[in-house]
C-alpha atoms as a PDB file:
ATOM      1  CA  MET A   1      31.174  30.624 -22.635  1.00  0.00           C
ATOM      2  CA  ASN A   2      33.456  27.606 -22.020  1.00  0.00           C
ATOM      3  CA  ILE A   3      34.408  24.911 -24.529  1.00  0.00           C
ATOM      4  CA  LYS A   4      31.794  22.476 -23.187  1.00  0.00           C
ATOM      5  CA  ASP A   5      29.018  24.995 -23.773  1.00  0.00           C
ATOM      6  CA  GLU A   6      30.340  25.741 -27.260  1.00  0.00           C
ATOM      7  CA  VAL A   7      30.337  22.037 -28.153  1.00  0.00           C
ATOM      8  CA  LYS A   8      26.788  21.640 -26.846  1.00  0.00           C
ATOM      9  CA  LYS A   9      25.672  24.655 -28.863  1.00  0.00           C
ATOM     10  CA  LEU A  10      27.124  23.217 -32.075  1.00  0.00           C
ATOM     11  CA  THR A  11      25.889  19.658 -31.510  1.00  0.00           C
ATOM     12  CA  PRO A  12      22.681  18.775 -33.430  1.00  0.00           C
ATOM     13  CA  VAL A  13      19.608  18.498 -31.223  1.00  0.00           C
ATOM     14  CA  PHE A  14      18.933  14.887 -32.221  1.00  0.00           C
ATOM     15  CA  LEU A  15      22.400  13.869 -30.976  1.00  0.00           C
ATOM     16  CA  LEU A  16      21.814  15.589 -27.635  1.00  0.00           C
ATOM     17  CA  GLU A  17      18.447  13.852 -27.303  1.00  0.00           C
ATOM     18  CA  ARG A  18      20.057  10.519 -28.201  1.00  0.00           C
ATOM     19  CA  LYS A  19      22.676  11.060 -25.506  1.00  0.00           C
ATOM     20  CA  GLN A  20      19.967  11.818 -22.930  1.00  0.00           C
ATOM     21  CA  TRP A  21      18.007   8.720 -23.924  1.00  0.00           C
ATOM     22  CA  LEU A  22      21.085   6.487 -23.587  1.00  0.00           C
ATOM     23  CA  HIS A  23      21.839   8.031 -20.192  1.00  0.00           C
ATOM     24  CA  LEU A  24      18.279   7.361 -19.002  1.00  0.00           C
ATOM     25  CA  LYS A  25      18.420   3.793 -20.317  1.00  0.00           C
ATOM     26  CA  HIS A  26      21.720   3.168 -18.519  1.00  0.00           C
ATOM     27  CA  GLU A  27      20.419   4.580 -15.216  1.00  0.00           C
ATOM     28  CA  SER A  28      17.172   2.609 -15.481  1.00  0.00           C
ATOM     29  CA  LEU A  29      18.924  -0.681 -16.237  1.00  0.00           C
ATOM     30  CA  TYR A  30      21.272  -0.090 -13.316  1.00  0.00           C
ATOM     31  CA  GLN A  31      18.274   0.375 -10.989  1.00  0.00           C
ATOM     32  CA  LEU A  32      16.441  -2.619 -12.470  1.00  0.00           C
ATOM     33  CA  LYS A  33      19.460  -4.854 -11.892  1.00  0.00           C
ATOM     34  CA  ARG A  34      19.764  -3.730  -8.275  1.00  0.00           C
ATOM     35  CA  PHE A  35      16.029  -4.269  -7.742  1.00  0.00           C
ATOM     36  CA  TYR A  36      15.942  -7.676  -9.406  1.00  0.00           C
ATOM     37  CA  ASN A  37      18.917  -8.916  -7.385  1.00  0.00           C
ATOM     38  CA  ALA A  38      17.210  -7.871  -4.155  1.00  0.00           C
ATOM     39  CA  ILE A  39      13.570  -8.911  -4.525  1.00  0.00           C
ATOM     40  CA  THR A  40      12.049 -12.011  -3.042  1.00  0.00           C
ATOM     41  CA  ASN A  41      11.688 -14.714  -5.684  1.00  0.00           C
ATOM     42  CA  GLY A  42      12.230 -18.447  -6.039  1.00  0.00           C
ATOM     43  CA  SER A  43      16.021 -18.241  -5.969  1.00  0.00           C
ATOM     44  CA  ASN A  44      16.227 -15.834  -3.028  1.00  0.00           C
ATOM     45  CA  ASN A  45      15.609 -17.115   0.481  1.00  0.00           C
ATOM     46  CA  ASN A  46      17.419 -15.128   3.157  1.00  0.00           C
ATOM     47  CA  VAL A  47      15.781 -13.935   6.373  1.00  0.00           C
ATOM     48  CA  ASN A  48      14.450 -10.702   4.853  1.00  0.00           C
ATOM     49  CA  HIS A  49      12.866 -12.600   1.971  1.00  0.00           C
ATOM     50  CA  CYS A  50      11.225 -15.011   4.411  1.00  0.00           C
ATOM     51  CA  ILE A  51       9.877 -12.150   6.508  1.00  0.00           C
ATOM     52  CA  ALA A  52       8.480 -10.458   3.386  1.00  0.00           C
ATOM     53  CA  LYS A  53       6.602 -13.607   2.366  1.00  0.00           C
ATOM     54  CA  VAL A  54       5.215 -14.249   5.851  1.00  0.00           C
ATOM     55  CA  THR A  55       4.053 -10.637   6.112  1.00  0.00           C
ATOM     56  CA  PHE A  56       2.436 -10.696   2.660  1.00  0.00           C
ATOM     57  CA  TYR A  57       0.466 -13.900   3.152  1.00  0.00           C
ATOM     58  CA  SER A  58      -0.577 -13.197   6.743  1.00  0.00           C
ATOM     59  CA  HIS A  59      -1.859  -9.786   5.631  1.00  0.00           C
ATOM     60  CA  GLN A  60      -4.089 -11.549   3.105  1.00  0.00           C
ATOM     61  CA  ILE A  61      -5.596 -13.501   6.004  1.00  0.00           C
ATOM     62  CA  GLU A  62      -5.977 -10.306   8.051  1.00  0.00           C
ATOM     63  CA  LYS A  63      -7.938  -8.638   5.238  1.00  0.00           C
ATOM     64  CA  GLY A  64     -10.346 -11.575   5.084  1.00  0.00           C
ATOM     65  CA  LEU A  65     -10.790 -11.484   8.856  1.00  0.00           C
ATOM     66  CA  SER A  66     -11.656  -7.781   8.769  1.00  0.00           C
ATOM     67  CA  HIS A  67     -14.377  -8.160   6.130  1.00  0.00           C
ATOM     68  CA  SER A  68     -17.848  -7.312   7.450  1.00  0.00           C
ATOM     69  CA  ASN A  69     -19.351  -9.837   5.033  1.00  0.00           C
ATOM     70  CA  PHE A  70     -17.217 -12.621   6.515  1.00  0.00           C
ATOM     71  CA  ARG A  71     -16.837 -15.640   4.237  1.00  0.00           C
ATOM     72  CA  TYR A  72     -16.258 -18.840   6.191  1.00  0.00           C
ATOM     73  CA  GLY A  73     -13.589 -21.096   4.760  1.00  0.00           C
ATOM     74  CA  PHE A  74     -11.870 -18.274   2.877  1.00  0.00           C
ATOM     75  CA  GLY A  75      -8.167 -18.114   2.107  1.00  0.00           C
ATOM     76  CA  LYS A  76      -7.029 -21.692   1.501  1.00  0.00           C
ATOM     77  CA  SER A  77      -4.481 -20.599  -1.096  1.00  0.00           C
ATOM     78  CA  ALA A  78      -3.144 -17.852   1.192  1.00  0.00           C
ATOM     79  CA  LEU A  79      -2.951 -20.313   4.105  1.00  0.00           C
ATOM     80  CA  MET A  80      -1.015 -22.826   2.008  1.00  0.00           C
ATOM     81  CA  ASN A  81       1.436 -20.098   0.995  1.00  0.00           C
ATOM     82  CA  LEU A  82       1.698 -18.876   4.584  1.00  0.00           C
ATOM     83  CA  SER A  83       2.447 -22.393   5.822  1.00  0.00           C
ATOM     84  CA  SER A  84       5.321 -22.714   3.357  1.00  0.00           C
ATOM     85  CA  ALA A  85       6.611 -19.214   4.174  1.00  0.00           C
ATOM     86  CA  LEU A  86       6.590 -19.934   7.921  1.00  0.00           C
ATOM     87  CA  GLU A  87       8.612 -23.107   7.393  1.00  0.00           C
ATOM     88  CA  ASP A  88      11.135 -21.105   5.358  1.00  0.00           C
ATOM     89  CA  LEU A  89      11.346 -18.488   8.125  1.00  0.00           C
ATOM     90  CA  LYS A  90      11.947 -21.151  10.763  1.00  0.00           C
ATOM     91  CA  ARG A  91      14.823 -22.540   8.691  1.00  0.00           C
ATOM     92  CA  CYS A  92      16.360 -19.124   8.062  1.00  0.00           C
ATOM     93  CA  ASP A  93      16.030 -17.585  11.511  1.00  0.00           C
ATOM     94  CA  SER A  94      16.674 -19.487  14.727  1.00  0.00           C
ATOM     95  CA  ASP A  95      15.109 -16.576  16.655  1.00  0.00           C
ATOM     96  CA  TYR A  96      11.904 -16.671  14.585  1.00  0.00           C
ATOM     97  CA  PRO A  97       9.578 -16.675  17.678  1.00  0.00           C
ATOM     98  CA  GLU A  98      10.799 -13.124  18.399  1.00  0.00           C
ATOM     99  CA  CYS A  99      10.184 -11.972  14.818  1.00  0.00           C
ATOM    100  CA  ALA A 100       7.340  -9.429  14.501  1.00  0.00           C
ATOM    101  CA  ALA A 101       6.204 -10.995  11.218  1.00  0.00           C
ATOM    102  CA  TYR A 102       5.965 -14.424  12.851  1.00  0.00           C
ATOM    103  CA  GLN A 103       4.025 -13.036  15.813  1.00  0.00           C
ATOM    104  CA  SER A 104       1.581 -11.289  13.464  1.00  0.00           C
ATOM    105  CA  ALA A 105       1.114 -14.450  11.435  1.00  0.00           C
ATOM    106  CA  VAL A 106       0.325 -16.745  14.351  1.00  0.00           C
ATOM    107  CA  ALA A 107      -2.016 -14.150  15.880  1.00  0.00           C
ATOM    108  CA  ALA A 108      -3.905 -13.968  12.576  1.00  0.00           C
ATOM    109  CA  LEU A 109      -4.067 -17.778  12.489  1.00  0.00           C
ATOM    110  CA  GLN A 110      -5.461 -17.836  16.005  1.00  0.00           C
ATOM    111  CA  GLU A 111      -8.241 -15.379  15.103  1.00  0.00           C
ATOM    112  CA  TYR A 112      -8.949 -17.350  11.916  1.00  0.00           C
ATOM    113  CA  ARG A 113      -9.330 -20.578  13.871  1.00  0.00           C
ATOM    114  CA  TYR A 114     -11.363 -18.987  16.666  1.00  0.00           C
ATOM    115  CA  LYS A 115     -13.853 -17.359  14.275  1.00  0.00           C
ATOM    116  CA  HIS A 116     -14.515 -20.616  12.471  1.00  0.00           C
ATOM    117  CA  GLU A 117     -14.639 -22.904  15.502  1.00  0.00           C
ATOM    118  CA  ASN A 118     -16.812 -20.449  17.431  1.00  0.00           C
ATOM    119  CA  ALA A 119     -19.319 -20.606  14.555  1.00  0.00           C
ATOM    120  CA  GLY A 120     -19.115 -24.403  14.357  1.00  0.00           C
ATOM    121  CA  TYR A 121     -17.544 -24.286  10.898  1.00  0.00           C
ATOM    122  CA  HIS A 122     -15.082 -27.154  10.400  1.00  0.00           C
ATOM    123  CA  ILE A 123     -11.645 -26.225   9.051  1.00  0.00           C
ATOM    124  CA  ASP A 124      -9.743 -29.446   9.716  1.00  0.00           C
ATOM    125  CA  ASP A 125      -8.087 -29.288   6.300  1.00  0.00           C
ATOM    126  CA  MET A 126      -6.870 -25.745   7.043  1.00  0.00           C
ATOM    127  CA  ILE A 127      -5.577 -26.704  10.480  1.00  0.00           C
ATOM    128  CA  ALA A 128      -3.676 -29.615   8.963  1.00  0.00           C
ATOM    129  CA  LEU A 129      -1.649 -27.184   6.835  1.00  0.00           C
ATOM    130  CA  PHE A 130       0.335 -26.116   9.918  1.00  0.00           C
ATOM    131  CA  PRO A 131       2.388 -28.188  12.378  1.00  0.00           C
ATOM    132  CA  SER A 132       1.320 -28.381  16.005  1.00  0.00           C
ATOM    133  CA  ASP A 133       4.048 -26.014  17.230  1.00  0.00           C
ATOM    134  CA  ILE A 134       2.608 -23.241  15.056  1.00  0.00           C
ATOM    135  CA  TRP A 135      -0.823 -23.749  16.606  1.00  0.00           C
ATOM    136  CA  ASP A 136       0.734 -23.847  20.083  1.00  0.00           C
ATOM    137  CA  ASP A 137       2.334 -20.472  19.415  1.00  0.00           C
ATOM    138  CA  ALA A 138      -0.932 -19.211  17.934  1.00  0.00           C
ATOM    139  CA  SER A 139      -2.846 -20.180  21.077  1.00  0.00           C
ATOM    140  CA  ALA A 140      -0.325 -18.310  23.220  1.00  0.00           C
ATOM    141  CA  SER A 141      -0.141 -15.254  20.963  1.00  0.00           C
ATOM    142  CA  ALA A 142      -1.281 -11.772  21.946  1.00  0.00           C
ATOM    143  CA  SER A 143      -4.378 -10.733  20.029  1.00  0.00           C
ATOM    144  CA  ALA A 144      -2.869  -7.270  19.423  1.00  0.00           C
ATOM    145  CA  ASN A 145      -0.192  -8.787  17.183  1.00  0.00           C
ATOM    146  CA  GLY A 146      -2.399  -9.748  14.267  1.00  0.00           C
ATOM    147  CA  GLY A 147      -5.876 -10.267  12.896  1.00  0.00           C
ATOM    148  CA  SER A 148      -8.481  -7.500  12.853  1.00  0.00           C
ATOM    149  CA  VAL A 149      -9.488  -4.557  15.008  1.00  0.00           C
ATOM    150  CA  PRO A 150     -12.744  -2.522  15.163  1.00  0.00           C
ATOM    151  CA  VAL A 151     -12.898   1.061  13.904  1.00  0.00           C
ATOM    152  CA  LYS A 152     -15.779   3.231  15.152  1.00  0.00           C
ATOM    153  CA  ALA A 153     -16.924   6.474  13.548  1.00  0.00           C
ATOM    154  CA  SER A 154     -17.795   7.949  16.957  1.00  0.00           C
ATOM    155  CA  LEU A 155     -14.125   7.796  17.981  1.00  0.00           C
ATOM    156  CA  LYS A 156     -13.182  10.053  15.052  1.00  0.00           C
ATOM    157  CA  ASP A 157     -15.272  13.020  16.229  1.00  0.00           C
ATOM    158  CA  GLY A 158     -12.309  14.839  17.779  1.00  0.00           C
ATOM    159  CA  ASN A 159      -9.851  14.248  14.929  1.00  0.00           C
ATOM    160  CA  ALA A 160      -9.703  17.897  13.883  1.00  0.00           C
ATOM    161  CA  THR A 161      -8.307  19.004  17.250  1.00  0.00           C
ATOM    162  CA  ILE A 162      -6.207  16.137  18.623  1.00  0.00           C
ATOM    163  CA  PRO A 163      -2.373  16.355  18.543  1.00  0.00           C
ATOM    164  CA  PHE A 164      -0.835  15.235  15.264  1.00  0.00           C
ATOM    165  CA  GLU A 165       1.003  12.313  16.844  1.00  0.00           C
ATOM    166  CA  ASN A 166      -2.249  10.860  18.153  1.00  0.00           C
ATOM    167  CA  LEU A 167      -3.936  11.449  14.796  1.00  0.00           C
ATOM    168  CA  PHE A 168      -1.125   9.624  12.997  1.00  0.00           C
ATOM    169  CA  LEU A 169      -0.966   6.725  15.444  1.00  0.00           C
ATOM    170  CA  ASN A 170      -4.724   6.151  15.245  1.00  0.00           C
ATOM    171  CA  ARG A 171      -5.069   6.266  11.449  1.00  0.00           C
ATOM    172  CA  ARG A 172      -5.877   2.918   9.842  1.00  0.00           C
ATOM    173  CA  SER A 173      -6.658   1.855   6.300  1.00  0.00           C
ATOM    174  CA  VAL A 174     -10.416   1.319   6.018  1.00  0.00           C
ATOM    175  CA  ARG A 175     -11.951  -0.554   3.076  1.00  0.00           C
ATOM    176  CA  GLU A 176     -15.637  -0.233   3.941  1.00  0.00           C
ATOM    177  CA  PHE A 177     -17.523   3.063   4.001  1.00  0.00           C
ATOM    178  CA  SER A 178     -20.930   4.539   4.756  1.00  0.00           C
ATOM    179  CA  ASP A 179     -23.245   5.182   1.807  1.00  0.00           C
ATOM    180  CA  SER A 180     -23.077   8.975   2.120  1.00  0.00           C
ATOM    181  CA  PRO A 181     -21.116  10.626  -0.719  1.00  0.00           C
ATOM    182  CA  LEU A 182     -18.131  12.889  -0.293  1.00  0.00           C
ATOM    183  CA  THR A 183     -19.035  16.446  -1.247  1.00  0.00           C
ATOM    184  CA  GLU A 184     -16.962  18.544  -3.635  1.00  0.00           C
ATOM    185  CA  THR A 185     -16.271  20.902  -0.740  1.00  0.00           C
ATOM    186  CA  GLU A 186     -14.817  18.035   1.317  1.00  0.00           C
ATOM    187  CA  ILE A 187     -12.730  16.837  -1.630  1.00  0.00           C
ATOM    188  CA  GLN A 188     -11.363  20.286  -2.419  1.00  0.00           C
ATOM    189  CA  HIS A 189     -10.533  20.948   1.234  1.00  0.00           C
ATOM    190  CA  VAL A 190      -8.413  17.829   1.809  1.00  0.00           C
ATOM    191  CA  ILE A 191      -6.614  18.333  -1.509  1.00  0.00           C
ATOM    192  CA  GLU A 192      -5.829  21.922  -0.542  1.00  0.00           C
ATOM    193  CA  VAL A 193      -4.362  20.759   2.770  1.00  0.00           C
ATOM    194  CA  ALA A 194      -2.252  18.103   1.011  1.00  0.00           C
ATOM    195  CA  THR A 195      -0.734  20.687  -1.362  1.00  0.00           C
ATOM    196  CA  LYS A 196       1.446  21.751   1.569  1.00  0.00           C
ATOM    197  CA  ALA A 197       3.421  18.492   1.212  1.00  0.00           C
ATOM    198  CA  PRO A 198       7.113  18.997   0.323  1.00  0.00           C
ATOM    199  CA  SER A 199       7.895  19.182  -3.388  1.00  0.00           C
ATOM    200  CA  VAL A 200      11.242  19.155  -5.181  1.00  0.00           C
ATOM    201  CA  CYS A 201      12.227  22.800  -5.826  1.00  0.00           C
ATOM    202  CA  ASN A 202       8.527  23.632  -5.393  1.00  0.00           C
ATOM    203  CA  ARG A 203       7.714  22.290  -8.872  1.00  0.00           C
ATOM    204  CA  GLN A 204       4.562  20.557  -7.604  1.00  0.00           C
ATOM    205  CA  PRO A 205       4.219  17.760 -10.181  1.00  0.00           C
ATOM    206  CA  VAL A 206       1.306  16.019  -8.422  1.00  0.00           C
ATOM    207  CA  ARG A 207      -2.061  15.810 -10.160  1.00  0.00           C
ATOM    208  CA  VAL A 208      -5.235  14.362  -8.605  1.00  0.00           C
ATOM    209  CA  TYR A 209      -8.222  12.733 -10.303  1.00  0.00           C
ATOM    210  CA  ALA A 210     -11.119  12.556  -7.828  1.00  0.00           C
ATOM    211  CA  ILE A 211     -13.598  10.032  -9.231  1.00  0.00           C
ATOM    212  CA  THR A 212     -17.127   9.999  -7.837  1.00  0.00           C
ATOM    213  CA  ASN A 213     -18.876   8.301 -10.759  1.00  0.00           C
ATOM    214  CA  LYS A 214     -19.787   4.815  -9.488  1.00  0.00           C
ATOM    215  CA  SER A 215     -19.495   3.172 -12.901  1.00  0.00           C
ATOM    216  CA  VAL A 216     -16.009   4.590 -13.493  1.00  0.00           C
ATOM    217  CA  ILE A 217     -14.893   3.605  -9.978  1.00  0.00           C
ATOM    218  CA  GLU A 218     -16.138   0.038 -10.555  1.00  0.00           C
ATOM    219  CA  LYS A 219     -14.232  -0.240 -13.830  1.00  0.00           C
ATOM    220  CA  ALA A 220     -11.077   1.309 -12.361  1.00  0.00           C
ATOM    221  CA  LEU A 221     -11.049  -1.031  -9.347  1.00  0.00           C
ATOM    222  CA  LYS A 222     -11.712  -4.059 -11.550  1.00  0.00           C
ATOM    223  CA  LEU A 223      -8.564  -3.154 -13.499  1.00  0.00           C
ATOM    224  CA  GLN A 224      -6.684  -2.498 -10.234  1.00  0.00           C
ATOM    225  CA  GLY A 225      -7.631  -5.937  -8.902  1.00  0.00           C
ATOM    226  CA  GLY A 226      -6.911  -5.415  -5.197  1.00  0.00           C
ATOM    227  CA  PHE A 227     -10.311  -4.343  -3.900  1.00  0.00           C
ATOM    228  CA  ASN A 228     -12.328  -7.439  -4.720  1.00  0.00           C
ATOM    229  CA  GLY A 229     -15.155  -8.371  -2.355  1.00  0.00           C
ATOM    230  CA  TYR A 230     -15.799  -4.848  -1.077  1.00  0.00           C
ATOM    231  CA  LYS A 231     -18.585  -2.424  -1.981  1.00  0.00           C
ATOM    232  CA  VAL A 232     -17.724   0.335  -4.414  1.00  0.00           C
ATOM    233  CA  PRO A 233     -16.355   3.263  -2.357  1.00  0.00           C
ATOM    234  CA  PRO A 234     -18.038   6.677  -2.641  1.00  0.00           C
ATOM    235  CA  ALA A 235     -14.856   8.189  -4.086  1.00  0.00           C
ATOM    236  CA  LEU A 236     -11.622   7.023  -5.654  1.00  0.00           C
ATOM    237  CA  PHE A 237      -8.612   9.343  -5.898  1.00  0.00           C
ATOM    238  CA  LEU A 238      -5.921   8.676  -8.482  1.00  0.00           C
ATOM    239  CA  ILE A 239      -2.640  10.400  -7.664  1.00  0.00           C
ATOM    240  CA  THR A 240      -0.252  10.999 -10.567  1.00  0.00           C
ATOM    241  CA  ALA A 241       2.939  12.957 -11.198  1.00  0.00           C
ATOM    242  CA  ASP A 242       3.407  15.178 -14.250  1.00  0.00           C
ATOM    243  CA  ASN A 243       6.887  14.505 -15.659  1.00  0.00           C
ATOM    244  CA  GLU A 244       6.809  17.798 -17.550  1.00  0.00           C
ATOM    245  CA  ALA A 245       7.742  19.404 -14.213  1.00  0.00           C
ATOM    246  CA  PHE A 246      11.229  17.863 -14.328  1.00  0.00           C
ATOM    247  CA  LEU A 247      14.367  19.174 -15.962  1.00  0.00           C
ATOM    248  CA  SER A 248      16.922  16.379 -16.192  1.00  0.00           C
ATOM    249  CA  ILE A 249      17.419  12.624 -16.511  1.00  0.00           C
ATOM    250  CA  SER A 250      18.556  12.434 -12.879  1.00  0.00           C
ATOM    251  CA  GLU A 251      15.017  13.316 -11.786  1.00  0.00           C
ATOM    252  CA  HIS A 252      13.318  10.361 -13.495  1.00  0.00           C
ATOM    253  CA  ASN A 253      12.130   8.910 -10.158  1.00  0.00           C
ATOM    254  CA  GLU A 254      11.301  12.202  -8.471  1.00  0.00           C
ATOM    255  CA  GLY A 255       7.617  12.013  -9.369  1.00  0.00           C
ATOM    256  CA  PHE A 256       7.220   8.918  -7.212  1.00  0.00           C
ATOM    257  CA  VAL A 257       8.868  10.716  -4.273  1.00  0.00           C
ATOM    258  CA  ASP A 258       6.703  13.834  -4.552  1.00  0.00           C
ATOM    259  CA  GLY A 259       3.650  11.704  -5.265  1.00  0.00           C
ATOM    260  CA  GLY A 260       4.279   9.577  -2.178  1.00  0.00           C
ATOM    261  CA  LEU A 261       4.747  12.616   0.053  1.00  0.00           C
ATOM    262  CA  PHE A 262       1.547  14.185  -1.283  1.00  0.00           C
ATOM    263  CA  SER A 263      -0.410  10.954  -0.863  1.00  0.00           C
ATOM    264  CA  MET A 264       0.594  10.590   2.791  1.00  0.00           C
ATOM    265  CA  ALA A 265      -0.341  14.229   3.408  1.00  0.00           C
ATOM    266  CA  LEU A 266      -3.699  13.570   1.739  1.00  0.00           C
ATOM    267  CA  LEU A 267      -4.334  10.496   3.891  1.00  0.00           C
ATOM    268  CA  MET A 268      -3.672  12.523   7.028  1.00  0.00           C
ATOM    269  CA  ALA A 269      -5.861  15.394   5.808  1.00  0.00           C
ATOM    270  CA  MET A 270      -8.647  12.873   5.277  1.00  0.00           C
ATOM    271  CA  GLU A 271      -8.157  11.401   8.744  1.00  0.00           C
ATOM    272  CA  ALA A 272      -8.284  14.858  10.324  1.00  0.00           C
ATOM    273  CA  ASN A 273     -11.562  15.529   8.500  1.00  0.00           C
ATOM    274  CA  LYS A 274     -13.208  12.207   9.446  1.00  0.00           C
ATOM    275  CA  ILE A 275     -12.816  10.712   5.980  1.00  0.00           C
ATOM    276  CA  ALA A 276     -11.942   7.019   5.909  1.00  0.00           C
ATOM    277  CA  ALA A 277      -9.401   5.931   3.307  1.00  0.00           C
ATOM    278  CA  CYS A 278      -7.287   3.082   1.984  1.00  0.00           C
ATOM    279  CA  PRO A 279      -4.295   3.480  -0.378  1.00  0.00           C
ATOM    280  CA  LEU A 280      -4.182   1.030  -3.298  1.00  0.00           C
ATOM    281  CA  ASN A 281      -1.195   0.389  -5.533  1.00  0.00           C
ATOM    282  CA  THR A 282      -0.999   1.161  -9.251  1.00  0.00           C
ATOM    283  CA  MET A 283       1.901  -1.140 -10.124  1.00  0.00           C
ATOM    284  CA  PHE A 284       0.270  -2.157 -13.409  1.00  0.00           C
ATOM    285  CA  SER A 285       1.282  -4.036 -16.516  1.00  0.00           C
ATOM    286  CA  LYS A 286       1.604  -1.940 -19.669  1.00  0.00           C
ATOM    287  CA  GLN A 287      -1.848  -3.092 -20.794  1.00  0.00           C
ATOM    288  CA  ILE A 288      -3.619  -2.275 -17.503  1.00  0.00           C
ATOM    289  CA  ASP A 289      -1.771   1.028 -17.284  1.00  0.00           C
ATOM    290  CA  GLN A 290      -3.051   2.049 -20.717  1.00  0.00           C
ATOM    291  CA  GLN A 291      -6.602   0.881 -20.016  1.00  0.00           C
ATOM    292  CA  THR A 292      -6.573   2.915 -16.796  1.00  0.00           C
ATOM    293  CA  ARG A 293      -5.325   6.001 -18.627  1.00  0.00           C
ATOM    294  CA  ASN A 294      -8.012   5.648 -21.263  1.00  0.00           C
ATOM    295  CA  LEU A 295     -10.740   5.176 -18.647  1.00  0.00           C
ATOM    296  CA  ILE A 296      -9.812   8.171 -16.489  1.00  0.00           C
ATOM    297  CA  GLY A 297      -8.196  10.438 -19.077  1.00  0.00           C
ATOM    298  CA  VAL A 298      -4.610  10.448 -17.817  1.00  0.00           C
ATOM    299  CA  PRO A 299      -2.075  11.773 -20.369  1.00  0.00           C
ATOM    300  CA  GLU A 300       1.165   9.979 -21.240  1.00  0.00           C
ATOM    301  CA  ASN A 301       3.324  12.586 -19.524  1.00  0.00           C
ATOM    302  CA  GLU A 302       2.020  11.538 -16.081  1.00  0.00           C
ATOM    303  CA  PHE A 303       3.153   8.585 -13.943  1.00  0.00           C
ATOM    304  CA  LEU A 304       0.504   6.731 -11.944  1.00  0.00           C
ATOM    305  CA  ILE A 305       1.436   6.910  -8.245  1.00  0.00           C
ATOM    306  CA  MET A 306      -1.469   5.308  -6.343  1.00  0.00           C
ATOM    307  CA  TYR A 307      -5.203   5.144  -5.798  1.00  0.00           C
ATOM    308  CA  ILE A 308      -6.889   6.118  -2.548  1.00  0.00           C
ATOM    309  CA  ALA A 309     -10.364   4.688  -1.934  1.00  0.00           C
ATOM    310  CA  ALA A 310     -12.285   7.053   0.339  1.00  0.00           C
ATOM    311  CA  GLY A 311     -15.616   7.790   1.975  1.00  0.00           C
ATOM    312  CA  HIS A 312     -17.175   8.547   5.328  1.00  0.00           C
ATOM    313  CA  PHE A 313     -16.659   6.138   8.200  1.00  0.00           C
ATOM    314  CA  PRO A 314     -19.485   3.654   8.792  1.00  0.00           C
ATOM    315  CA  ASP A 315     -20.739   3.423  12.385  1.00  0.00           C
ATOM    316  CA  GLU A 316     -18.364   0.482  12.900  1.00  0.00           C
ATOM    317  CA  THR A 317     -16.147  -1.638  10.710  1.00  0.00           C
ATOM    318  CA  HIS A 318     -13.061  -3.808  11.111  1.00  0.00           C
ATOM    319  CA  THR A 319      -9.618  -3.448   9.612  1.00  0.00           C
ATOM    320  CA  CYS A 320      -6.285  -5.242   9.733  1.00  0.00           C
ATOM    321  CA  ILE A 321      -4.108  -4.814  12.812  1.00  0.00           C
ATOM    322  CA  SER A 322      -1.025  -4.716  10.551  1.00  0.00           C
ATOM    323  CA  LYS A 323       1.519  -4.787  13.378  1.00  0.00           C
ATOM    324  CA  ARG A 324       4.612  -2.704  12.605  1.00  0.00           C
ATOM    325  CA  TYR A 325       8.196  -3.879  12.988  1.00  0.00           C
ATOM    326  CA  PRO A 326      10.100  -2.702  16.093  1.00  0.00           C
ATOM    327  CA  VAL A 327      12.197   0.437  15.639  1.00  0.00           C
ATOM    328  CA  GLN A 328      15.431  -1.500  16.173  1.00  0.00           C
ATOM    329  CA  ASP A 329      14.604  -3.632  13.126  1.00  0.00           C
ATOM    330  CA  ILE A 330      14.509  -0.664  10.770  1.00  0.00           C
ATOM    331  CA  LEU A 331      16.736   1.997  12.354  1.00  0.00           C
ATOM    332  CA  THR A 332      20.461   2.410  11.736  1.00  0.00           C
ATOM    333  CA  ILE A 333      22.120   5.359  13.473  1.00  0.00           C
ATOM    334  CA  VAL A 334      25.276   6.396  11.647  1.00  0.00           C
ATOM    335  CA  ARG A 335      27.630   8.100  14.102  1.00  0.00           C
END
């Protein structure tokens, strides 16, 4: 045994625990500082921040456009924010017309305007939020860049046998479901498939709460706050990570990694088995986090990773196009 091990053996447990706590606090503050200095807020306004804002607000419009119970005149607040974000993008990026976020935004605006004008619903106040050049670009935009797209249950019949790449490319987040419940057999099967997701040193920290009680789902989604305006889904999956699976301070974020990998595997297992799904974030305040734990019965040793709303596909529904950025915008090859 070396000197370091001897010292550790003789050191009181409370001092070792104190040292670990201080180490964790230092690492967490270091990450928080890096995160805070990078996020988009009032004092930050570079090109990436502008793109993030445009993408966020145009996606809000896309969600409204995809709603089967379409509400005419929706989204004034989102449109006002999008107008401001587009002006910021134009100031930050001289090549903004080539930006994927800009193209998605103007395509969503075009569908928004078309839907209202085609129904004879006046939106002059909404149109006035944007300068004429934005509407010119919107009129010339490709419809595949933004707005909504239909999803048909009949096109999912071959999902169990198509190549994985096709399965992945055709998966979309669906927020509206048929009334038929998911069976326990279906739930157990997709969870079993998802257990094959990679896990750090095979410690498998992921835990899944499959909620089928309508009252509990309603309460959970009310706390979550991002599923307003949609019918209660037949099932709601809460993915968590059990921190008791980890051994050291350096692994304090590992649950989110394993939980994310498992959640993507679960989404693909659902798609392969003709189960529609939509991931929902669980980035909660301390109060909402605790209320959620109390409602569902999640112990303190588990991190909340995400919800997944799920059910069978309806005959037809619409969902957001959610155009992805070009590969060259996200890829760096280090030679």
